[in-house]
Amino acid sequence: MRTSNIGFAQSSTALAHGAATFPKMTSREIASLIGFRHDNVLRTARILVERGVTQSEETQFVDPQNHQCYPVHELSKRDSLVLVARLSPEFTGRIVDRWMELEEQTSSTDLSNPAVVRDLLLAYTERVIALETTIKADASKVEFAETICNTAGVCKMGQFAKTIGWGPNRFIDRLRTDEVLMQNNVPFQTYIDRGYFRVVEKKPWTDSSGNEHPTFTTMVTGRGQEWLAKRYTNRADQMRSGVL
């Protein structure tokens, strides 16, 4: 999977050979243009690819502020218009205007000029070096995520709590206080939508009157384990020392 930190991408092969370039627009830029949350735009982009409607490619975006990697889709002109038509047809004009800007920028780049090609390749090389530095810095985080995820990709809340130094009951109470979990230990929908948790319905229990009641178990996904670890590992140490 490739990584990008720009609004649209150009083929490095095309740059090297002086061929025509093919600009792409990212789902982050589309979200900004139409005023939607990026996770909603990304979800729709994935659905369209799964259904064979579009052929956009999922890559990783490096946030220049926190140097974290986030998923993003790179879309051709045709796929971006299909995506926006699905999300909000009234904003299609903004996307068309942006594509006109991108195509004008691309057409104005003289790839027959060796100096221009050299500058483009230099900028590309600098981005690669910056990315390699970020990957090395995040290596320990990747190792942690691979360690705590089981083969199914999910684990029980109590099991995960122990891996970051929390007692299961205290950890669940904390998540309720922080409004991550509801009082029945089911996550709020926003955290399920982010892919942090999976709720599994179990066999219902029957009370003395013969009424059945649904039972749910909250499982932590690999993405959720990494998010919770970043947020609560240090707090476990603070709880033990009496700071919190």
C-alpha atoms as a PDB file:
ATOM      1  CA  MET A   1       0.000   0.000   0.000  1.00  0.00           C
ATOM      2  CA  ARG A   2       1.366   3.374  -1.012  1.00  0.00           C
ATOM      3  CA  THR A   3       1.484   6.482   1.133  1.00  0.00           C
ATOM      4  CA  SER A   4       0.579  10.011   0.079  1.00  0.00           C
ATOM      5  CA  ASN A   5       0.725  13.415   1.745  1.00  0.00           C
ATOM      6  CA  ILE A   6      -0.563  15.549  -1.122  1.00  0.00           C
ATOM      7  CA  GLY A   7      -3.992  16.413  -2.513  1.00  0.00           C
ATOM      8  CA  PHE A   8      -3.483  14.601  -5.817  1.00  0.00           C
ATOM      9  CA  ALA A   9      -0.938  12.070  -7.027  1.00  0.00           C
ATOM     10  CA  GLN A  10       1.139  11.717 -10.178  1.00  0.00           C
ATOM     11  CA  SER A  11       2.767   8.527 -11.495  1.00  0.00           C
ATOM     12  CA  SER A  12       6.502   8.482 -10.748  1.00  0.00           C
ATOM     13  CA  THR A  13       7.005   6.281 -13.835  1.00  0.00           C
ATOM     14  CA  ALA A  14       5.408   8.928 -16.013  1.00  0.00           C
ATOM     15  CA  LEU A  15       7.664  11.597 -14.497  1.00  0.00           C
ATOM     16  CA  ALA A  16      10.775   9.554 -15.119  1.00  0.00           C
ATOM     17  CA  HIS A  17       9.944   9.006 -18.788  1.00  0.00           C
ATOM     18  CA  GLY A  18       8.419  12.384 -19.543  1.00  0.00           C
ATOM     19  CA  ALA A  19       5.057  10.816 -20.401  1.00  0.00           C
ATOM     20  CA  ALA A  20       1.621  12.238 -19.755  1.00  0.00           C
ATOM     21  CA  THR A  21       0.682  12.452 -16.115  1.00  0.00           C
ATOM     22  CA  PHE A  22      -2.630  11.453 -14.586  1.00  0.00           C
ATOM     23  CA  PRO A  23      -3.753  13.606 -11.645  1.00  0.00           C
ATOM     24  CA  LYS A  24      -5.880  12.032  -8.951  1.00  0.00           C
ATOM     25  CA  MET A  25      -7.968  13.561  -6.206  1.00  0.00           C
ATOM     26  CA  THR A  26      -8.003  12.135  -2.691  1.00  0.00           C
ATOM     27  CA  SER A  27     -11.044  11.409  -0.556  1.00  0.00           C
ATOM     28  CA  ARG A  28      -9.672  13.903   2.003  1.00  0.00           C
ATOM     29  CA  GLU A  29      -9.744  16.701  -0.548  1.00  0.00           C
ATOM     30  CA  ILE A  30     -13.242  15.702  -1.680  1.00  0.00           C
ATOM     31  CA  ALA A  31     -14.452  15.743   1.938  1.00  0.00           C
ATOM     32  CA  SER A  32     -13.013  19.244   2.372  1.00  0.00           C
ATOM     33  CA  LEU A  33     -14.590  20.526  -0.839  1.00  0.00           C
ATOM     34  CA  ILE A  34     -18.115  19.286  -0.068  1.00  0.00           C
ATOM     35  CA  GLY A  35     -17.999  19.828   3.707  1.00  0.00           C
ATOM     36  CA  PHE A  36     -18.379  16.162   4.703  1.00  0.00           C
ATOM     37  CA  ARG A  37     -16.534  14.207   7.385  1.00  0.00           C
ATOM     38  CA  HIS A  38     -13.740  12.214   5.788  1.00  0.00           C
ATOM     39  CA  ASP A  39     -14.747   8.925   7.443  1.00  0.00           C
ATOM     40  CA  ASN A  40     -18.154   9.152   5.736  1.00  0.00           C
ATOM     41  CA  VAL A  41     -16.567   9.885   2.351  1.00  0.00           C
ATOM     42  CA  LEU A  42     -14.061   7.049   2.829  1.00  0.00           C
ATOM     43  CA  ARG A  43     -16.813   4.585   3.770  1.00  0.00           C
ATOM     44  CA  THR A  44     -18.784   5.392   0.611  1.00  0.00           C
ATOM     45  CA  ALA A  45     -15.647   5.147  -1.544  1.00  0.00           C
ATOM     46  CA  ARG A  46     -14.951   1.661  -0.168  1.00  0.00           C
ATOM     47  CA  ILE A  47     -18.542   0.547  -0.789  1.00  0.00           C
ATOM     48  CA  LEU A  48     -18.400   1.717  -4.416  1.00  0.00           C
ATOM     49  CA  VAL A  49     -15.160  -0.207  -4.977  1.00  0.00           C
ATOM     50  CA  GLU A  50     -16.579  -3.355  -3.362  1.00  0.00           C
ATOM     51  CA  ARG A  51     -19.606  -3.161  -5.676  1.00  0.00           C
ATOM     52  CA  GLY A  52     -17.402  -2.690  -8.733  1.00  0.00           C
ATOM     53  CA  VAL A  53     -18.806   0.770  -9.476  1.00  0.00           C
ATOM     54  CA  THR A  54     -15.435   2.542  -9.131  1.00  0.00           C
ATOM     55  CA  GLN A  55     -11.777   1.545  -9.113  1.00  0.00           C
ATOM     56  CA  SER A  56     -10.278   4.000  -6.638  1.00  0.00           C
ATOM     57  CA  GLU A  57      -7.181   2.863  -4.747  1.00  0.00           C
ATOM     58  CA  GLU A  58      -6.762   2.946  -0.964  1.00  0.00           C
ATOM     59  CA  THR A  59      -3.459   4.404   0.252  1.00  0.00           C
ATOM     60  CA  GLN A  60      -2.115   5.933   3.465  1.00  0.00           C
ATOM     61  CA  PHE A  61      -2.033   9.681   4.152  1.00  0.00           C
ATOM     62  CA  VAL A  62       0.734  11.038   6.441  1.00  0.00           C
ATOM     63  CA  ASP A  63      -0.620  13.893   8.551  1.00  0.00           C
ATOM     64  CA  PRO A  64       2.072  16.631   8.561  1.00  0.00           C
ATOM     65  CA  GLN A  65       1.082  17.707  12.090  1.00  0.00           C
ATOM     66  CA  ASN A  66       1.164  14.440  14.061  1.00  0.00           C
ATOM     67  CA  HIS A  67       2.974  12.273  11.472  1.00  0.00           C
ATOM     68  CA  GLN A  68       0.323   9.573  11.852  1.00  0.00           C
ATOM     69  CA  CYS A  69      -0.887   7.487   8.899  1.00  0.00           C
ATOM     70  CA  TYR A  70      -4.577   7.471   7.969  1.00  0.00           C
ATOM     71  CA  PRO A  71      -6.414   5.591   5.175  1.00  0.00           C
ATOM     72  CA  VAL A  72      -7.385   7.611   2.131  1.00  0.00           C
ATOM     73  CA  HIS A  73      -8.663   6.828  -1.384  1.00  0.00           C
ATOM     74  CA  GLU A  74      -7.115   8.240  -4.561  1.00  0.00           C
ATOM     75  CA  LEU A  75      -9.727   8.720  -7.274  1.00  0.00           C
ATOM     76  CA  SER A  76      -9.656   9.401 -10.981  1.00  0.00           C
ATOM     77  CA  LYS A  77     -11.808  12.169 -12.416  1.00  0.00           C
ATOM     78  CA  ARG A  78     -14.572   9.737 -13.331  1.00  0.00           C
ATOM     79  CA  ASP A  79     -14.546   7.947  -9.949  1.00  0.00           C
ATOM     80  CA  SER A  80     -14.540  11.204  -7.971  1.00  0.00           C
ATOM     81  CA  LEU A  81     -17.607  12.437  -9.859  1.00  0.00           C
ATOM     82  CA  VAL A  82     -19.403   9.135  -9.206  1.00  0.00           C
ATOM     83  CA  LEU A  83     -18.518   9.366  -5.512  1.00  0.00           C
ATOM     84  CA  VAL A  84     -19.773  12.937  -5.125  1.00  0.00           C
ATOM     85  CA  ALA A  85     -22.938  12.122  -7.069  1.00  0.00           C
ATOM     86  CA  ARG A  86     -23.633   9.404  -4.513  1.00  0.00           C
ATOM     87  CA  LEU A  87     -22.804  11.574  -1.491  1.00  0.00           C
ATOM     88  CA  SER A  88     -24.262  14.943  -2.432  1.00  0.00           C
ATOM     89  CA  PRO A  89     -25.175  15.741  -6.062  1.00  0.00           C
ATOM     90  CA  GLU A  90     -25.511  19.475  -5.376  1.00  0.00           C
ATOM     91  CA  PHE A  91     -21.742  19.712  -4.758  1.00  0.00           C
ATOM     92  CA  THR A  92     -20.724  18.140  -8.079  1.00  0.00           C
ATOM     93  CA  GLY A  93     -19.950  21.596  -9.504  1.00  0.00           C
ATOM     94  CA  ARG A  94     -17.236  22.166  -6.892  1.00  0.00           C
ATOM     95  CA  ILE A  95     -15.518  18.919  -7.868  1.00  0.00           C
ATOM     96  CA  VAL A  96     -15.695  19.801 -11.571  1.00  0.00           C
ATOM     97  CA  ASP A  97     -14.103  23.197 -10.824  1.00  0.00           C
ATOM     98  CA  ARG A  98     -11.328  21.535  -8.830  1.00  0.00           C
ATOM     99  CA  TRP A  99     -10.637  19.074 -11.642  1.00  0.00           C
ATOM    100  CA  MET A 100     -10.301  21.949 -14.080  1.00  0.00           C
ATOM    101  CA  GLU A 101      -7.667  23.458 -11.762  1.00  0.00           C
ATOM    102  CA  LEU A 102      -5.759  20.161 -11.490  1.00  0.00           C
ATOM    103  CA  GLU A 103      -5.818  19.539 -15.226  1.00  0.00           C
ATOM    104  CA  GLU A 104      -4.619  23.096 -15.882  1.00  0.00           C
ATOM    105  CA  GLN A 105      -1.735  22.605 -13.438  1.00  0.00           C
ATOM    106  CA  THR A 106      -0.793  19.318 -15.089  1.00  0.00           C
ATOM    107  CA  SER A 107      -0.946  20.701 -18.635  1.00  0.00           C
ATOM    108  CA  SER A 108       1.229  23.664 -17.648  1.00  0.00           C
ATOM    109  CA  THR A 109       4.047  21.403 -16.398  1.00  0.00           C
ATOM    110  CA  ASP A 110       6.707  21.095 -19.119  1.00  0.00           C
ATOM    111  CA  LEU A 111       8.011  17.541 -18.668  1.00  0.00           C
ATOM    112  CA  SER A 112      10.266  17.913 -21.707  1.00  0.00           C
ATOM    113  CA  ASN A 113      12.359  20.346 -19.672  1.00  0.00           C
ATOM    114  CA  PRO A 114      15.071  18.373 -17.778  1.00  0.00           C
ATOM    115  CA  ALA A 115      15.204  21.019 -15.031  1.00  0.00           C
ATOM    116  CA  VAL A 116      11.456  20.668 -14.350  1.00  0.00           C
ATOM    117  CA  VAL A 117      11.681  16.869 -14.230  1.00  0.00           C
ATOM    118  CA  ARG A 118      14.716  17.101 -11.921  1.00  0.00           C
ATOM    119  CA  ASP A 119      12.825  19.381  -9.503  1.00  0.00           C
ATOM    120  CA  LEU A 120       9.795  17.077  -9.489  1.00  0.00           C
ATOM    121  CA  LEU A 121      11.918  14.004  -8.813  1.00  0.00           C
ATOM    122  CA  LEU A 122      13.823  15.856  -6.071  1.00  0.00           C
ATOM    123  CA  ALA A 123      10.560  16.758  -4.337  1.00  0.00           C
ATOM    124  CA  TYR A 124       9.380  13.161  -4.690  1.00  0.00           C
ATOM    125  CA  THR A 125      12.636  11.857  -3.191  1.00  0.00           C
ATOM    126  CA  GLU A 126      12.326  14.214  -0.225  1.00  0.00           C
ATOM    127  CA  ARG A 127       8.808  12.905   0.471  1.00  0.00           C
ATOM    128  CA  VAL A 128      10.080   9.311   0.328  1.00  0.00           C
ATOM    129  CA  ILE A 129      12.856  10.087   2.828  1.00  0.00           C
ATOM    130  CA  ALA A 130      10.364  11.776   5.170  1.00  0.00           C
ATOM    131  CA  LEU A 131       8.067   8.763   4.895  1.00  0.00           C
ATOM    132  CA  GLU A 132      10.878   6.306   5.686  1.00  0.00           C
ATOM    133  CA  THR A 133      11.681   8.334   8.814  1.00  0.00           C
ATOM    134  CA  THR A 134       8.041   8.177   9.898  1.00  0.00           C
ATOM    135  CA  ILE A 135       7.895   4.418   9.286  1.00  0.00           C
ATOM    136  CA  LYS A 136      10.960   3.829  11.477  1.00  0.00           C
ATOM    137  CA  ALA A 137       9.504   6.004  14.241  1.00  0.00           C
ATOM    138  CA  ASP A 138       6.209   4.080  14.107  1.00  0.00           C
ATOM    139  CA  ALA A 139       7.848   0.626  14.022  1.00  0.00           C
ATOM    140  CA  SER A 140       7.327   0.086  17.756  1.00  0.00           C
ATOM    141  CA  LYS A 141       3.643   0.994  17.427  1.00  0.00           C
ATOM    142  CA  VAL A 142       3.202  -1.536  14.629  1.00  0.00           C
ATOM    143  CA  GLU A 143       4.944  -4.205  16.696  1.00  0.00           C
ATOM    144  CA  PHE A 144       2.639  -3.447  19.636  1.00  0.00           C
ATOM    145  CA  ALA A 145      -0.472  -3.697  17.471  1.00  0.00           C
ATOM    146  CA  GLU A 146       0.641  -7.046  16.052  1.00  0.00           C
ATOM    147  CA  THR A 147       1.374  -8.356  19.540  1.00  0.00           C
ATOM    148  CA  ILE A 148      -1.961  -7.564  21.171  1.00  0.00           C
ATOM    149  CA  CYS A 149      -4.175  -8.610  18.246  1.00  0.00           C
ATOM    150  CA  ASN A 150      -5.164 -12.256  18.279  1.00  0.00           C
ATOM    151  CA  THR A 151      -5.667 -14.318  15.140  1.00  0.00           C
ATOM    152  CA  ALA A 152      -9.319 -13.299  14.858  1.00  0.00           C
ATOM    153  CA  GLY A 153      -8.366  -9.618  15.031  1.00  0.00           C
ATOM    154  CA  VAL A 154     -10.545  -8.958  18.090  1.00  0.00           C
ATOM    155  CA  CYS A 155     -10.329  -9.634  21.826  1.00  0.00           C
ATOM    156  CA  LYS A 156     -12.539  -9.237  24.879  1.00  0.00           C
ATOM    157  CA  MET A 157     -12.463  -5.972  26.817  1.00  0.00           C
ATOM    158  CA  GLY A 158     -11.139  -7.510  30.045  1.00  0.00           C
ATOM    159  CA  GLN A 159      -8.410  -9.388  28.205  1.00  0.00           C
ATOM    160  CA  PHE A 160      -7.227  -6.219  26.495  1.00  0.00           C
ATOM    161  CA  ALA A 161      -7.349  -4.149  29.712  1.00  0.00           C
ATOM    162  CA  LYS A 162      -4.741  -6.433  31.280  1.00  0.00           C
ATOM    163  CA  THR A 163      -2.331  -5.942  28.370  1.00  0.00           C
ATOM    164  CA  ILE A 164      -2.104  -2.193  29.119  1.00  0.00           C
ATOM    165  CA  GLY A 165      -1.964  -2.499  32.902  1.00  0.00           C
ATOM    166  CA  TRP A 166      -5.602  -1.913  33.862  1.00  0.00           C
ATOM    167  CA  GLY A 167      -7.912  -4.019  35.975  1.00  0.00           C
ATOM    168  CA  PRO A 168     -10.879  -5.091  33.802  1.00  0.00           C
ATOM    169  CA  ASN A 169     -13.602  -3.578  36.012  1.00  0.00           C
ATOM    170  CA  ARG A 170     -11.758  -0.300  36.554  1.00  0.00           C
ATOM    171  CA  PHE A 171     -11.025  -0.007  32.833  1.00  0.00           C
ATOM    172  CA  ILE A 172     -14.676  -0.516  31.895  1.00  0.00           C
ATOM    173  CA  ASP A 173     -15.745   2.053  34.502  1.00  0.00           C
ATOM    174  CA  ARG A 174     -13.271   4.514  33.010  1.00  0.00           C
ATOM    175  CA  LEU A 175     -14.647   3.983  29.505  1.00  0.00           C
ATOM    176  CA  ARG A 176     -18.147   4.658  30.825  1.00  0.00           C
ATOM    177  CA  THR A 177     -16.943   7.872  32.473  1.00  0.00           C
ATOM    178  CA  ASP A 178     -15.285   8.964  29.230  1.00  0.00           C
ATOM    179  CA  GLU A 179     -18.502   8.117  27.341  1.00  0.00           C
ATOM    180  CA  VAL A 180     -16.858   5.504  25.175  1.00  0.00           C
ATOM    181  CA  LEU A 181     -19.159   2.809  26.585  1.00  0.00           C
ATOM    182  CA  MET A 182     -22.785   3.104  27.593  1.00  0.00           C
ATOM    183  CA  GLN A 183     -23.977   1.770  30.954  1.00  0.00           C
ATOM    184  CA  ASN A 184     -24.699  -1.626  29.389  1.00  0.00           C
ATOM    185  CA  ASN A 185     -21.047  -1.777  28.216  1.00  0.00           C
ATOM    186  CA  VAL A 186     -22.034  -1.384  24.565  1.00  0.00           C
ATOM    187  CA  PRO A 187     -19.955   1.292  22.770  1.00  0.00           C
ATOM    188  CA  PHE A 188     -21.519   4.500  21.544  1.00  0.00           C
ATOM    189  CA  GLN A 189     -22.238   4.250  17.822  1.00  0.00           C
ATOM    190  CA  THR A 190     -19.542   6.748  16.814  1.00  0.00           C
ATOM    191  CA  TYR A 191     -16.811   4.425  18.107  1.00  0.00           C
ATOM    192  CA  ILE A 192     -18.338   1.428  16.358  1.00  0.00           C
ATOM    193  CA  ASP A 193     -18.407   3.426  13.114  1.00  0.00           C
ATOM    194  CA  ARG A 194     -14.710   4.193  13.536  1.00  0.00           C
ATOM    195  CA  GLY A 195     -13.994   0.468  13.618  1.00  0.00           C
ATOM    196  CA  TYR A 196     -12.785   0.385  17.238  1.00  0.00           C
ATOM    197  CA  PHE A 197     -15.321  -2.142  18.533  1.00  0.00           C
ATOM    198  CA  ARG A 198     -17.461  -5.036  17.373  1.00  0.00           C
ATOM    199  CA  VAL A 199     -20.634  -5.950  19.261  1.00  0.00           C
ATOM    200  CA  VAL A 200     -21.530  -9.649  19.267  1.00  0.00           C
ATOM    201  CA  GLU A 201     -25.053 -10.732  20.143  1.00  0.00           C
ATOM    202  CA  LYS A 202     -25.158 -13.725  22.472  1.00  0.00           C
ATOM    203  CA  LYS A 203     -27.920 -16.116  23.460  1.00  0.00           C
ATOM    204  CA  PRO A 204     -30.660 -14.131  25.268  1.00  0.00           C
ATOM    205  CA  TRP A 205     -31.391 -14.853  28.907  1.00  0.00           C
ATOM    206  CA  THR A 206     -34.862 -15.529  30.276  1.00  0.00           C
ATOM    207  CA  ASP A 207     -36.162 -13.959  33.483  1.00  0.00           C
ATOM    208  CA  SER A 208     -38.520 -15.542  36.006  1.00  0.00           C
ATOM    209  CA  SER A 209     -41.536 -14.326  34.037  1.00  0.00           C
ATOM    210  CA  GLY A 210     -40.386 -16.060  30.884  1.00  0.00           C
ATOM    211  CA  ASN A 211     -39.351 -12.870  29.105  1.00  0.00           C
ATOM    212  CA  GLU A 212     -36.232 -13.011  26.963  1.00  0.00           C
ATOM    213  CA  HIS A 213     -33.590 -10.278  27.174  1.00  0.00           C
ATOM    214  CA  PRO A 214     -30.859  -9.760  24.544  1.00  0.00           C
ATOM    215  CA  THR A 215     -27.240 -10.137  25.609  1.00  0.00           C
ATOM    216  CA  PHE A 216     -24.316  -8.414  23.922  1.00  0.00           C
ATOM    217  CA  THR A 217     -20.538  -8.760  24.247  1.00  0.00           C
ATOM    218  CA  THR A 218     -18.236  -5.910  23.260  1.00  0.00           C
ATOM    219  CA  MET A 219     -15.081  -6.990  21.423  1.00  0.00           C
ATOM    220  CA  VAL A 220     -12.113  -4.702  20.718  1.00  0.00           C
ATOM    221  CA  THR A 221     -10.805  -4.708  17.142  1.00  0.00           C
ATOM    222  CA  GLY A 222      -7.149  -4.365  16.193  1.00  0.00           C
ATOM    223  CA  ARG A 223      -7.706  -0.701  15.344  1.00  0.00           C
ATOM    224  CA  GLY A 224      -9.520  -0.196  18.642  1.00  0.00           C
ATOM    225  CA  GLN A 225      -6.727  -1.858  20.612  1.00  0.00           C
ATOM    226  CA  GLU A 226      -4.174   0.534  19.159  1.00  0.00           C
ATOM    227  CA  TRP A 227      -6.424   3.560  19.813  1.00  0.00           C
ATOM    228  CA  LEU A 228      -7.177   2.534  23.408  1.00  0.00           C
ATOM    229  CA  ALA A 229      -3.518   1.792  24.122  1.00  0.00           C
ATOM    230  CA  LYS A 230      -2.450   5.258  22.963  1.00  0.00           C
ATOM    231  CA  ARG A 231      -5.148   6.887  25.054  1.00  0.00           C
ATOM    232  CA  TYR A 232      -5.047   4.875  28.287  1.00  0.00           C
ATOM    233  CA  THR A 233      -1.651   3.196  28.784  1.00  0.00           C
ATOM    234  CA  ASN A 234      -0.123   6.197  30.597  1.00  0.00           C
ATOM    235  CA  ARG A 235      -3.316   6.726  32.580  1.00  0.00           C
ATOM    236  CA  ALA A 236      -2.966   3.263  34.111  1.00  0.00           C
ATOM    237  CA  ASP A 237       0.409   4.292  35.554  1.00  0.00           C
ATOM    238  CA  GLN A 238      -1.106   7.544  36.823  1.00  0.00           C
ATOM    239  CA  MET A 239      -3.970   5.679  38.510  1.00  0.00           C
ATOM    240  CA  ARG A 240      -1.499   3.466  40.365  1.00  0.00           C
ATOM    241  CA  SER A 241       0.514   6.482  41.486  1.00  0.00           C
ATOM    242  CA  GLY A 242      -2.602   8.331  42.651  1.00  0.00           C
ATOM    243  CA  VAL A 243      -2.395  11.130  40.070  1.00  0.00           C
ATOM    244  CA  LEU A 244      -5.861  10.343  38.630  1.00  0.00           C
END
